Amino acid sequence: MNEAEFHQHVTRILLRIEQAVEDSGVDIDFENAADILTLEFTNGSKIIINKQSAAHQIWVAARAGGFHYSFDAAKNQWINDQGGEELFAQLSRLASEQAGVRVSLA
């Protein structure tokens, strides 16, 4: 994917995450500033999701660590480079851990 396609795709993904947070029914605040999406939980912990243009990746920072996702065109999914987990599945797990309740962002 070229640079313009990457930026458009990540913008759509960040909006999709925002909508999933709203739809989850869990008390999670979020803010998107300059393509950095911050999820803040009632206990004060955060998950930060941002694009890394040079690498054409999405990066996630959470209490559990940092994760890098590359787009797999064959699967049409963002996949964690380190463990192979799909972005929304892993975000759901990470958010659940930090919220203390089950959070589904898929």
PDB file of N, CA and C in Angstrom:
ATOM      1  N   MET A   1       0.846  -1.163   0.000  1.00  0.00           N
ATOM      2  CA  MET A   1       0.000   0.000   0.000  1.00  0.00           C
ATOM      3  C   MET A   1       0.895   1.230   0.000  1.00  0.00           C
ATOM      4  N   ASN A   2       0.486   2.235  -0.754  1.00  0.00           N
ATOM      5  CA  ASN A   2       1.301   3.451  -0.820  1.00  0.00           C
ATOM      6  C   ASN A   2       1.027   4.332   0.405  1.00  0.00           C
ATOM      7  N   GLU A   3       1.731   5.448   0.505  1.00  0.00           N
ATOM      8  CA  GLU A   3       1.636   6.325   1.676  1.00  0.00           C
ATOM      9  C   GLU A   3       0.222   6.868   1.887  1.00  0.00           C
ATOM     10  N   ALA A   4      -0.420   7.341   0.831  1.00  0.00           N
ATOM     11  CA  ALA A   4      -1.772   7.893   0.942  1.00  0.00           C
ATOM     12  C   ALA A   4      -2.768   6.818   1.388  1.00  0.00           C
ATOM     13  N   GLU A   5      -2.666   5.636   0.810  1.00  0.00           N
ATOM     14  CA  GLU A   5      -3.547   4.533   1.195  1.00  0.00           C
ATOM     15  C   GLU A   5      -3.340   4.154   2.659  1.00  0.00           C
ATOM     16  N   PHE A   6      -2.085   4.136   3.096  1.00  0.00           N
ATOM     17  CA  PHE A   6      -1.775   3.820   4.489  1.00  0.00           C
ATOM     18  C   PHE A   6      -2.456   4.816   5.425  1.00  0.00           C
ATOM     19  N   HIS A   7      -2.305   6.103   5.157  1.00  0.00           N
ATOM     20  CA  HIS A   7      -2.896   7.121   6.022  1.00  0.00           C
ATOM     21  C   HIS A   7      -4.423   7.005   6.046  1.00  0.00           C
ATOM     22  N   GLN A   8      -5.044   6.796   4.902  1.00  0.00           N
ATOM     23  CA  GLN A   8      -6.496   6.639   4.843  1.00  0.00           C
ATOM     24  C   GLN A   8      -6.948   5.408   5.627  1.00  0.00           C
ATOM     25  N   HIS A   9      -6.217   4.330   5.457  1.00  0.00           N
ATOM     26  CA  HIS A   9      -6.575   3.074   6.120  1.00  0.00           C
ATOM     27  C   HIS A   9      -6.467   3.217   7.629  1.00  0.00           C
ATOM     28  N   VAL A  10      -5.387   3.819   8.109  1.00  0.00           N
ATOM     29  CA  VAL A  10      -5.210   3.976   9.551  1.00  0.00           C
ATOM     30  C   VAL A  10      -6.252   4.932  10.121  1.00  0.00           C
ATOM     31  N   THR A  11      -6.586   5.983   9.405  1.00  0.00           N
ATOM     32  CA  THR A  11      -7.630   6.898   9.871  1.00  0.00           C
ATOM     33  C   THR A  11      -8.943   6.144  10.062  1.00  0.00           C
ATOM     34  N   ARG A  12      -9.292   5.280   9.112  1.00  0.00           N
ATOM     35  CA  ARG A  12     -10.512   4.469   9.225  1.00  0.00           C
ATOM     36  C   ARG A  12     -10.433   3.519  10.424  1.00  0.00           C
ATOM     37  N   ILE A  13      -9.263   2.918  10.648  1.00  0.00           N
ATOM     38  CA  ILE A  13      -9.086   1.994  11.770  1.00  0.00           C
ATOM     39  C   ILE A  13      -9.257   2.725  13.095  1.00  0.00           C
ATOM     40  N   LEU A  14      -8.660   3.917  13.232  1.00  0.00           N
ATOM     41  CA  LEU A  14      -8.783   4.672  14.476  1.00  0.00           C
ATOM     42  C   LEU A  14     -10.238   5.055  14.739  1.00  0.00           C
ATOM     43  N   LEU A  15     -10.962   5.450  13.699  1.00  0.00           N
ATOM     44  CA  LEU A  15     -12.383   5.762  13.849  1.00  0.00           C
ATOM     45  C   LEU A  15     -13.180   4.514  14.235  1.00  0.00           C
ATOM     46  N   ARG A  16     -12.798   3.390  13.668  1.00  0.00           N
ATOM     47  CA  ARG A  16     -13.470   2.125  13.992  1.00  0.00           C
ATOM     48  C   ARG A  16     -13.239   1.746  15.458  1.00  0.00           C
ATOM     49  N   ILE A  17     -12.018   1.993  15.945  1.00  0.00           N
ATOM     50  CA  ILE A  17     -11.724   1.718  17.358  1.00  0.00           C
ATOM     51  C   ILE A  17     -12.566   2.638  18.246  1.00  0.00           C
ATOM     52  N   GLU A  18     -12.637   3.922  17.906  1.00  0.00           N
ATOM     53  CA  GLU A  18     -13.458   4.862  18.680  1.00  0.00           C
ATOM     54  C   GLU A  18     -14.904   4.381  18.754  1.00  0.00           C
ATOM     55  N   GLN A  19     -15.453   3.978  17.619  1.00  0.00           N
ATOM     56  CA  GLN A  19     -16.844   3.500  17.588  1.00  0.00           C
ATOM     57  C   GLN A  19     -16.991   2.238  18.428  1.00  0.00           C
ATOM     58  N   ALA A  20     -16.023   1.350  18.358  1.00  0.00           N
ATOM     59  CA  ALA A  20     -16.080   0.110  19.142  1.00  0.00           C
ATOM     60  C   ALA A  20     -16.038   0.410  20.636  1.00  0.00           C
ATOM     61  N   VAL A  21     -15.243   1.395  21.033  1.00  0.00           N
ATOM     62  CA  VAL A  21     -15.192   1.796  22.448  1.00  0.00           C
ATOM     63  C   VAL A  21     -16.559   2.316  22.878  1.00  0.00           C
ATOM     64  N   GLU A  22     -17.152   3.172  22.077  1.00  0.00           N
ATOM     65  CA  GLU A  22     -18.484   3.696  22.406  1.00  0.00           C
ATOM     66  C   GLU A  22     -19.519   2.578  22.493  1.00  0.00           C
ATOM     67  N   ASP A  23     -19.444   1.636  21.552  1.00  0.00           N
ATOM     68  CA  ASP A  23     -20.413   0.545  21.498  1.00  0.00           C
ATOM     69  C   ASP A  23     -20.203  -0.479  22.614  1.00  0.00           C
ATOM     70  N   SER A  24     -19.017  -0.495  23.229  1.00  0.00           N
ATOM     71  CA  SER A  24     -18.695  -1.511  24.236  1.00  0.00           C
ATOM     72  C   SER A  24     -19.524  -1.357  25.505  1.00  0.00           C
ATOM     73  N   GLY A  25     -19.986  -0.143  25.799  1.00  0.00           N
ATOM     74  CA  GLY A  25     -20.752   0.088  27.012  1.00  0.00           C
ATOM     75  C   GLY A  25     -19.889   0.201  28.260  1.00  0.00           C
ATOM     76  N   VAL A  26     -18.584   0.140  28.110  1.00  0.00           N
ATOM     77  CA  VAL A  26     -17.658   0.246  29.235  1.00  0.00           C
ATOM     78  C   VAL A  26     -17.207   1.698  29.346  1.00  0.00           C
ATOM     79  N   ASP A  27     -17.002   2.159  30.575  1.00  0.00           N
ATOM     80  CA  ASP A  27     -16.599   3.543  30.820  1.00  0.00           C
ATOM     81  C   ASP A  27     -15.121   3.723  30.451  1.00  0.00           C
ATOM     82  N   ILE A  28     -14.893   4.056  29.190  1.00  0.00           N
ATOM     83  CA  ILE A  28     -13.553   4.312  28.672  1.00  0.00           C
ATOM     84  C   ILE A  28     -13.609   5.654  27.951  1.00  0.00           C
ATOM     85  N   ASP A  29     -12.783   6.593  28.392  1.00  0.00           N
ATOM     86  CA  ASP A  29     -12.681   7.870  27.697  1.00  0.00           C
ATOM     87  C   ASP A  29     -11.664   7.720  26.573  1.00  0.00           C
ATOM     88  N   PHE A  30     -11.858   8.495  25.508  1.00  0.00           N
ATOM     89  CA  PHE A  30     -10.867   8.458  24.433  1.00  0.00           C
ATOM     90  C   PHE A  30     -10.701   9.832  23.834  1.00  0.00           C
ATOM     91  N   GLU A  31      -9.501  10.038  23.293  1.00  0.00           N
ATOM     92  CA  GLU A  31      -9.178  11.287  22.612  1.00  0.00           C
ATOM     93  C   GLU A  31      -8.287  10.957  21.424  1.00  0.00           C
ATOM     94  N   ASN A  32      -8.618  11.550  20.290  1.00  0.00           N
ATOM     95  CA  ASN A  32      -7.811  11.367  19.083  1.00  0.00           C
ATOM     96  C   ASN A  32      -7.237  12.734  18.711  1.00  0.00           C
ATOM     97  N   ALA A  33      -5.925  12.848  18.802  1.00  0.00           N
ATOM     98  CA  ALA A  33      -5.239  14.092  18.458  1.00  0.00           C
ATOM     99  C   ALA A  33      -4.055  13.744  17.567  1.00  0.00           C
ATOM    100  N   ALA A  34      -4.059  14.294  16.357  1.00  0.00           N
ATOM    101  CA  ALA A  34      -2.961  14.082  15.402  1.00  0.00           C
ATOM    102  C   ALA A  34      -2.695  12.590  15.168  1.00  0.00           C
ATOM    103  N   ASP A  35      -3.772  11.829  14.981  1.00  0.00           N
ATOM    104  CA  ASP A  35      -3.677  10.385  14.712  1.00  0.00           C
ATOM    105  C   ASP A  35      -3.024   9.610  15.842  1.00  0.00           C
ATOM    106  N   ILE A  36      -3.168  10.113  17.069  1.00  0.00           N
ATOM    107  CA  ILE A  36      -2.774   9.379  18.269  1.00  0.00           C
ATOM    108  C   ILE A  36      -4.047   9.217  19.082  1.00  0.00           C
ATOM    109  N   LEU A  37      -4.514   7.979  19.183  1.00  0.00           N
ATOM    110  CA  LEU A  37      -5.742   7.684  19.906  1.00  0.00           C
ATOM    111  C   LEU A  37      -5.375   7.191  21.299  1.00  0.00           C
ATOM    112  N   THR A  38      -5.859   7.907  22.305  1.00  0.00           N
ATOM    113  CA  THR A  38      -5.590   7.541  23.691  1.00  0.00           C
ATOM    114  C   THR A  38      -6.885   7.066  24.335  1.00  0.00           C
ATOM    115  N   LEU A  39      -6.850   5.849  24.870  1.00  0.00           N
ATOM    116  CA  LEU A  39      -7.967   5.301  25.631  1.00  0.00           C
ATOM    117  C   LEU A  39      -7.598   5.428  27.101  1.00  0.00           C
ATOM    118  N   GLU A  40      -8.470   6.036  27.903  1.00  0.00           N
ATOM    119  CA  GLU A  40      -8.178   6.189  29.328  1.00  0.00           C
ATOM    120  C   GLU A  40      -9.257   5.488  30.136  1.00  0.00           C
ATOM    121  N   PHE A  41      -8.808   4.679  31.075  1.00  0.00           N
ATOM    122  CA  PHE A  41      -9.694   3.857  31.883  1.00  0.00           C
ATOM    123  C   PHE A  41      -9.937   4.529  33.241  1.00  0.00           C
ATOM    124  N   THR A  42     -10.988   4.109  33.942  1.00  0.00           N
ATOM    125  CA  THR A  42     -11.361   4.747  35.206  1.00  0.00           C
ATOM    126  C   THR A  42     -10.260   4.632  36.263  1.00  0.00           C
ATOM    127  N   ASN A  43      -9.383   3.651  36.133  1.00  0.00           N
ATOM    128  CA  ASN A  43      -8.283   3.501  37.094  1.00  0.00           C
ATOM    129  C   ASN A  43      -7.073   4.371  36.726  1.00  0.00           C
ATOM    130  N   GLY A  44      -7.204   5.177  35.666  1.00  0.00           N
ATOM    131  CA  GLY A  44      -6.137   6.077  35.252  1.00  0.00           C
ATOM    132  C   GLY A  44      -5.165   5.491  34.251  1.00  0.00           C
ATOM    133  N   SER A  45      -5.248   4.194  33.993  1.00  0.00           N
ATOM    134  CA  SER A  45      -4.346   3.589  33.012  1.00  0.00           C
ATOM    135  C   SER A  45      -4.776   3.974  31.605  1.00  0.00           C
ATOM    136  N   LYS A  46      -3.847   3.852  30.665  1.00  0.00           N
ATOM    137  CA  LYS A  46      -4.113   4.254  29.286  1.00  0.00           C
ATOM    138  C   LYS A  46      -3.607   3.207  28.305  1.00  0.00           C
ATOM    139  N   ILE A  47      -4.236   3.204  27.140  1.00  0.00           N
ATOM    140  CA  ILE A  47      -3.734   2.500  25.962  1.00  0.00           C
ATOM    141  C   ILE A  47      -3.588   3.573  24.894  1.00  0.00           C
ATOM    142  N   ILE A  48      -2.425   3.618  24.275  1.00  0.00           N
ATOM    143  CA  ILE A  48      -2.160   4.619  23.241  1.00  0.00           C
ATOM    144  C   ILE A  48      -1.948   3.895  21.922  1.00  0.00           C
ATOM    145  N   ILE A  49      -2.690   4.330  20.902  1.00  0.00           N
ATOM    146  CA  ILE A  49      -2.649   3.709  19.578  1.00  0.00           C
ATOM    147  C   ILE A  49      -2.250   4.793  18.581  1.00  0.00           C
ATOM    148  N   ASN A  50      -1.204   4.539  17.818  1.00  0.00           N
ATOM    149  CA  ASN A  50      -0.798   5.541  16.826  1.00  0.00           C
ATOM    150  C   ASN A  50      -0.202   4.873  15.598  1.00  0.00           C
ATOM    151  N   LYS A  51      -0.141   5.675  14.540  1.00  0.00           N
ATOM    152  CA  LYS A  51       0.441   5.163  13.300  1.00  0.00           C
ATOM    153  C   LYS A  51       1.918   5.519  13.249  1.00  0.00           C
ATOM    154  N   GLN A  52       2.675   4.630  12.687  1.00  0.00           N
ATOM    155  CA  GLN A  52       4.095   4.843  12.443  1.00  0.00           C
ATOM    156  C   GLN A  52       4.284   4.842  10.934  1.00  0.00           C
ATOM    157  N   SER A  53       4.273   6.040  10.368  1.00  0.00           N
ATOM    158  CA  SER A  53       4.283   6.192   8.913  1.00  0.00           C
ATOM    159  C   SER A  53       5.490   5.558   8.250  1.00  0.00           C
ATOM    160  N   ALA A  54       6.659   5.769   8.811  1.00  0.00           N
ATOM    161  CA  ALA A  54       7.877   5.262   8.180  1.00  0.00           C
ATOM    162  C   ALA A  54       7.860   3.742   8.042  1.00  0.00           C
ATOM    163  N   ALA A  55       7.287   3.071   9.030  1.00  0.00           N
ATOM    164  CA  ALA A  55       7.237   1.605   9.021  1.00  0.00           C
ATOM    165  C   ALA A  55       5.931   1.065   8.448  1.00  0.00           C
ATOM    166  N   HIS A  56       4.973   1.964   8.150  1.00  0.00           N
ATOM    167  CA  HIS A  56       3.628   1.556   7.720  1.00  0.00           C
ATOM    168  C   HIS A  56       3.022   0.576   8.719  1.00  0.00           C
ATOM    169  N   GLN A  57       3.085   0.948   9.989  1.00  0.00           N
ATOM    170  CA  GLN A  57       2.568   0.110  11.059  1.00  0.00           C
ATOM    171  C   GLN A  57       1.651   0.905  11.970  1.00  0.00           C
ATOM    172  N   ILE A  58       0.884   0.167  12.756  1.00  0.00           N
ATOM    173  CA  ILE A  58       0.134   0.719  13.877  1.00  0.00           C
ATOM    174  C   ILE A  58       0.845   0.228  15.130  1.00  0.00           C
ATOM    175  N   TRP A  59       1.110   1.155  16.057  1.00  0.00           N
ATOM    176  CA  TRP A  59       1.765   0.807  17.308  1.00  0.00           C
ATOM    177  C   TRP A  59       0.788   1.003  18.451  1.00  0.00           C
ATOM    178  N   VAL A  60       0.849   0.099  19.412  1.00  0.00           N
ATOM    179  CA  VAL A  60      -0.005   0.165  20.596  1.00  0.00           C
ATOM    180  C   VAL A  60       0.877   0.078  21.828  1.00  0.00           C
ATOM    181  N   ALA A  61       0.650   0.995  22.768  1.00  0.00           N
ATOM    182  CA  ALA A  61       1.327   0.960  24.063  1.00  0.00           C
ATOM    183  C   ALA A  61       0.268   0.744  25.130  1.00  0.00           C
ATOM    184  N   ALA A  62       0.469  -0.280  25.961  1.00  0.00           N
ATOM    185  CA  ALA A  62      -0.472  -0.621  27.027  1.00  0.00           C
ATOM    186  C   ALA A  62       0.334  -1.034  28.257  1.00  0.00           C
ATOM    187  N   ARG A  63      -0.361  -1.267  29.364  1.00  0.00           N
ATOM    188  CA  ARG A  63       0.352  -1.738  30.560  1.00  0.00           C
ATOM    189  C   ARG A  63       1.119  -3.022  30.280  1.00  0.00           C
ATOM    190  N   ALA A  64       0.579  -3.858  29.415  1.00  0.00           N
ATOM    191  CA  ALA A  64       1.202  -5.149  29.118  1.00  0.00           C
ATOM    192  C   ALA A  64       2.432  -5.030  28.223  1.00  0.00           C
ATOM    193  N   GLY A  65       2.660  -3.842  27.631  1.00  0.00           N
ATOM    194  CA  GLY A  65       3.830  -3.653  26.776  1.00  0.00           C
ATOM    195  C   GLY A  65       3.503  -2.903  25.505  1.00  0.00           C
ATOM    196  N   GLY A  66       4.462  -2.912  24.596  1.00  0.00           N
ATOM    197  CA  GLY A  66       4.311  -2.253  23.311  1.00  0.00           C
ATOM    198  C   GLY A  66       4.167  -3.286  22.206  1.00  0.00           C
ATOM    199  N   PHE A  67       3.316  -2.985  21.230  1.00  0.00           N
ATOM    200  CA  PHE A  67       2.999  -3.937  20.169  1.00  0.00           C
ATOM    201  C   PHE A  67       2.988  -3.227  18.830  1.00  0.00           C
ATOM    202  N   HIS A  68       3.502  -3.906  17.798  1.00  0.00           N
ATOM    203  CA  HIS A  68       3.558  -3.357  16.443  1.00  0.00           C
ATOM    204  C   HIS A  68       2.725  -4.238  15.526  1.00  0.00           C
ATOM    205  N   TYR A  69       1.905  -3.587  14.699  1.00  0.00           N
ATOM    206  CA  TYR A  69       0.999  -4.302  13.794  1.00  0.00           C
ATOM    207  C   TYR A  69       1.278  -3.892  12.349  1.00  0.00           C
ATOM    208  N   SER A  70       1.378  -4.877  11.490  1.00  0.00           N
ATOM    209  CA  SER A  70       1.544  -4.649  10.057  1.00  0.00           C
ATOM    210  C   SER A  70       0.296  -5.156   9.346  1.00  0.00           C
ATOM    211  N   PHE A  71      -0.005  -4.524   8.225  1.00  0.00           N
ATOM    212  CA  PHE A  71      -1.201  -4.919   7.484  1.00  0.00           C
ATOM    213  C   PHE A  71      -0.916  -6.174   6.673  1.00  0.00           C
ATOM    214  N   ASP A  72      -1.773  -7.181   6.837  1.00  0.00           N
ATOM    215  CA  ASP A  72      -1.707  -8.420   6.070  1.00  0.00           C
ATOM    216  C   ASP A  72      -2.815  -8.348   5.022  1.00  0.00           C
ATOM    217  N   ALA A  73      -2.430  -8.051   3.786  1.00  0.00           N
ATOM    218  CA  ALA A  73      -3.413  -7.862   2.716  1.00  0.00           C
ATOM    219  C   ALA A  73      -4.216  -9.133   2.440  1.00  0.00           C
ATOM    220  N   ALA A  74      -3.574 -10.290   2.562  1.00  0.00           N
ATOM    221  CA  ALA A  74      -4.274 -11.548   2.301  1.00  0.00           C
ATOM    222  C   ALA A  74      -5.401 -11.776   3.306  1.00  0.00           C
ATOM    223  N   LYS A  75      -5.194 -11.365   4.558  1.00  0.00           N
ATOM    224  CA  LYS A  75      -6.204 -11.524   5.608  1.00  0.00           C
ATOM    225  C   LYS A  75      -7.060 -10.270   5.775  1.00  0.00           C
ATOM    226  N   ASN A  76      -6.615  -9.155   5.162  1.00  0.00           N
ATOM    227  CA  ASN A  76      -7.268  -7.857   5.313  1.00  0.00           C
ATOM    228  C   ASN A  76      -7.368  -7.482   6.796  1.00  0.00           C
ATOM    229  N   GLN A  77      -6.251  -7.705   7.522  1.00  0.00           N
ATOM    230  CA  GLN A  77      -6.199  -7.451   8.965  1.00  0.00           C
ATOM    231  C   GLN A  77      -4.837  -6.885   9.344  1.00  0.00           C
ATOM    232  N   TRP A  78      -4.824  -6.178  10.482  1.00  0.00           N
ATOM    233  CA  TRP A  78      -3.583  -5.718  11.082  1.00  0.00           C
ATOM    234  C   TRP A  78      -3.150  -6.788  12.078  1.00  0.00           C
ATOM    235  N   ILE A  79      -1.933  -7.313  11.877  1.00  0.00           N
ATOM    236  CA  ILE A  79      -1.439  -8.451  12.646  1.00  0.00           C
ATOM    237  C   ILE A  79      -0.212  -8.037  13.456  1.00  0.00           C
ATOM    238  N   ASN A  80      -0.187  -8.459  14.722  1.00  0.00           N
ATOM    239  CA  ASN A  80       0.930  -8.185  15.617  1.00  0.00           C
ATOM    240  C   ASN A  80       2.181  -8.897  15.104  1.00  0.00           C
ATOM    241  N   ASP A  81       3.237  -8.136  14.884  1.00  0.00           N
ATOM    242  CA  ASP A  81       4.488  -8.707  14.368  1.00  0.00           C
ATOM    243  C   ASP A  81       5.127  -9.697  15.341  1.00  0.00           C
ATOM    244  N   GLN A  82       4.939  -9.469  16.632  1.00  0.00           N
ATOM    245  CA  GLN A  82       5.600 -10.317  17.622  1.00  0.00           C
ATOM    246  C   GLN A  82       4.840 -11.613  17.896  1.00  0.00           C
ATOM    247  N   GLY A  83       3.505 -11.556  17.947  1.00  0.00           N
ATOM    248  CA  GLY A  83       2.763 -12.740  18.348  1.00  0.00           C
ATOM    249  C   GLY A  83       1.735 -13.233  17.364  1.00  0.00           C
ATOM    250  N   GLY A  84       1.476 -12.456  16.307  1.00  0.00           N
ATOM    251  CA  GLY A  84       0.531 -12.893  15.291  1.00  0.00           C
ATOM    252  C   GLY A  84      -0.925 -12.636  15.614  1.00  0.00           C
ATOM    253  N   GLU A  85      -1.200 -11.929  16.724  1.00  0.00           N
ATOM    254  CA  GLU A  85      -2.586 -11.671  17.109  1.00  0.00           C
ATOM    255  C   GLU A  85      -3.156 -10.507  16.289  1.00  0.00           C
ATOM    256  N   GLU A  86      -4.428 -10.607  15.952  1.00  0.00           N
ATOM    257  CA  GLU A  86      -5.112  -9.566  15.180  1.00  0.00           C
ATOM    258  C   GLU A  86      -5.346  -8.354  16.085  1.00  0.00           C
ATOM    259  N   LEU A  87      -5.258  -7.150  15.508  1.00  0.00           N
ATOM    260  CA  LEU A  87      -5.324  -5.896  16.257  1.00  0.00           C
ATOM    261  C   LEU A  87      -6.545  -5.802  17.165  1.00  0.00           C
ATOM    262  N   PHE A  88      -7.755  -5.984  16.643  1.00  0.00           N
ATOM    263  CA  PHE A  88      -8.960  -5.788  17.444  1.00  0.00           C
ATOM    264  C   PHE A  88      -9.106  -6.852  18.528  1.00  0.00           C
ATOM    265  N   ALA A  89      -8.679  -8.068  18.239  1.00  0.00           N
ATOM    266  CA  ALA A  89      -8.724  -9.128  19.260  1.00  0.00           C
ATOM    267  C   ALA A  89      -7.770  -8.781  20.402  1.00  0.00           C
ATOM    268  N   GLN A  90      -6.570  -8.332  20.054  1.00  0.00           N
ATOM    269  CA  GLN A  90      -5.611  -8.002  21.097  1.00  0.00           C
ATOM    270  C   GLN A  90      -6.030  -6.743  21.859  1.00  0.00           C
ATOM    271  N   LEU A  91      -6.568  -5.744  21.160  1.00  0.00           N
ATOM    272  CA  LEU A  91      -7.054  -4.547  21.850  1.00  0.00           C
ATOM    273  C   LEU A  91      -8.172  -4.902  22.826  1.00  0.00           C
ATOM    274  N   SER A  92      -9.053  -5.814  22.443  1.00  0.00           N
ATOM    275  CA  SER A  92     -10.126  -6.245  23.341  1.00  0.00           C
ATOM    276  C   SER A  92      -9.543  -6.867  24.604  1.00  0.00           C
ATOM    277  N   ARG A  93      -8.536  -7.699  24.438  1.00  0.00           N
ATOM    278  CA  ARG A  93      -7.900  -8.356  25.589  1.00  0.00           C
ATOM    279  C   ARG A  93      -7.185  -7.336  26.466  1.00  0.00           C
ATOM    280  N   LEU A  94      -6.406  -6.445  25.847  1.00  0.00           N
ATOM    281  CA  LEU A  94      -5.676  -5.435  26.602  1.00  0.00           C
ATOM    282  C   LEU A  94      -6.634  -4.498  27.346  1.00  0.00           C
ATOM    283  N   ALA A  95      -7.698  -4.063  26.671  1.00  0.00           N
ATOM    284  CA  ALA A  95      -8.679  -3.178  27.302  1.00  0.00           C
ATOM    285  C   ALA A  95      -9.382  -3.890  28.446  1.00  0.00           C
ATOM    286  N   SER A  96      -9.686  -5.154  28.280  1.00  0.00           N
ATOM    287  CA  SER A  96     -10.334  -5.921  29.353  1.00  0.00           C
ATOM    288  C   SER A  96      -9.433  -5.996  30.578  1.00  0.00           C
ATOM    289  N   GLU A  97      -8.147  -6.240  30.346  1.00  0.00           N
ATOM    290  CA  GLU A  97      -7.185  -6.306  31.454  1.00  0.00           C
ATOM    291  C   GLU A  97      -7.122  -4.971  32.191  1.00  0.00           C
ATOM    292  N   GLN A  98      -7.119  -3.876  31.463  1.00  0.00           N
ATOM    293  CA  GLN A  98      -6.971  -2.578  32.087  1.00  0.00           C
ATOM    294  C   GLN A  98      -8.277  -2.052  32.686  1.00  0.00           C
ATOM    295  N   ALA A  99      -9.400  -2.436  32.116  1.00  0.00           N
ATOM    296  CA  ALA A  99     -10.702  -1.989  32.640  1.00  0.00           C
ATOM    297  C   ALA A  99     -11.173  -2.840  33.817  1.00  0.00           C
ATOM    298  N   GLY A 100     -10.684  -4.071  33.888  1.00  0.00           N
ATOM    299  CA  GLY A 100     -11.125  -4.968  34.951  1.00  0.00           C
ATOM    300  C   GLY A 100     -12.464  -5.620  34.659  1.00  0.00           C
ATOM    301  N   VAL A 101     -12.974  -5.412  33.456  1.00  0.00           N
ATOM    302  CA  VAL A 101     -14.213  -6.056  32.997  1.00  0.00           C
ATOM    303  C   VAL A 101     -14.015  -6.439  31.530  1.00  0.00           C
ATOM    304  N   ARG A 102     -14.879  -7.338  31.055  1.00  0.00           N
ATOM    305  CA  ARG A 102     -14.754  -7.768  29.658  1.00  0.00           C
ATOM    306  C   ARG A 102     -15.101  -6.609  28.728  1.00  0.00           C
ATOM    307  N   VAL A 103     -14.187  -6.344  27.786  1.00  0.00           N
ATOM    308  CA  VAL A 103     -14.392  -5.307  26.783  1.00  0.00           C
ATOM    309  C   VAL A 103     -14.260  -5.966  25.414  1.00  0.00           C
ATOM    310  N   SER A 104     -15.267  -5.797  24.583  1.00  0.00           N
ATOM    311  CA  SER A 104     -15.211  -6.329  23.219  1.00  0.00           C
ATOM    312  C   SER A 104     -15.106  -5.164  22.246  1.00  0.00           C
ATOM    313  N   LEU A 105     -13.981  -5.102  21.544  1.00  0.00           N
ATOM    314  CA  LEU A 105     -13.774  -4.055  20.539  1.00  0.00           C
ATOM    315  C   LEU A 105     -13.772  -4.633  19.142  1.00  0.00           C
ATOM    316  N   ALA A 106     -14.066  -5.920  19.024  1.00  0.00           N
ATOM    317  CA  ALA A 106     -14.037  -6.583  17.723  1.00  0.00           C
ATOM    318  C   ALA A 106     -15.247  -6.217  16.900  1.00  0.00           C
TER     319      ALA A 106
END
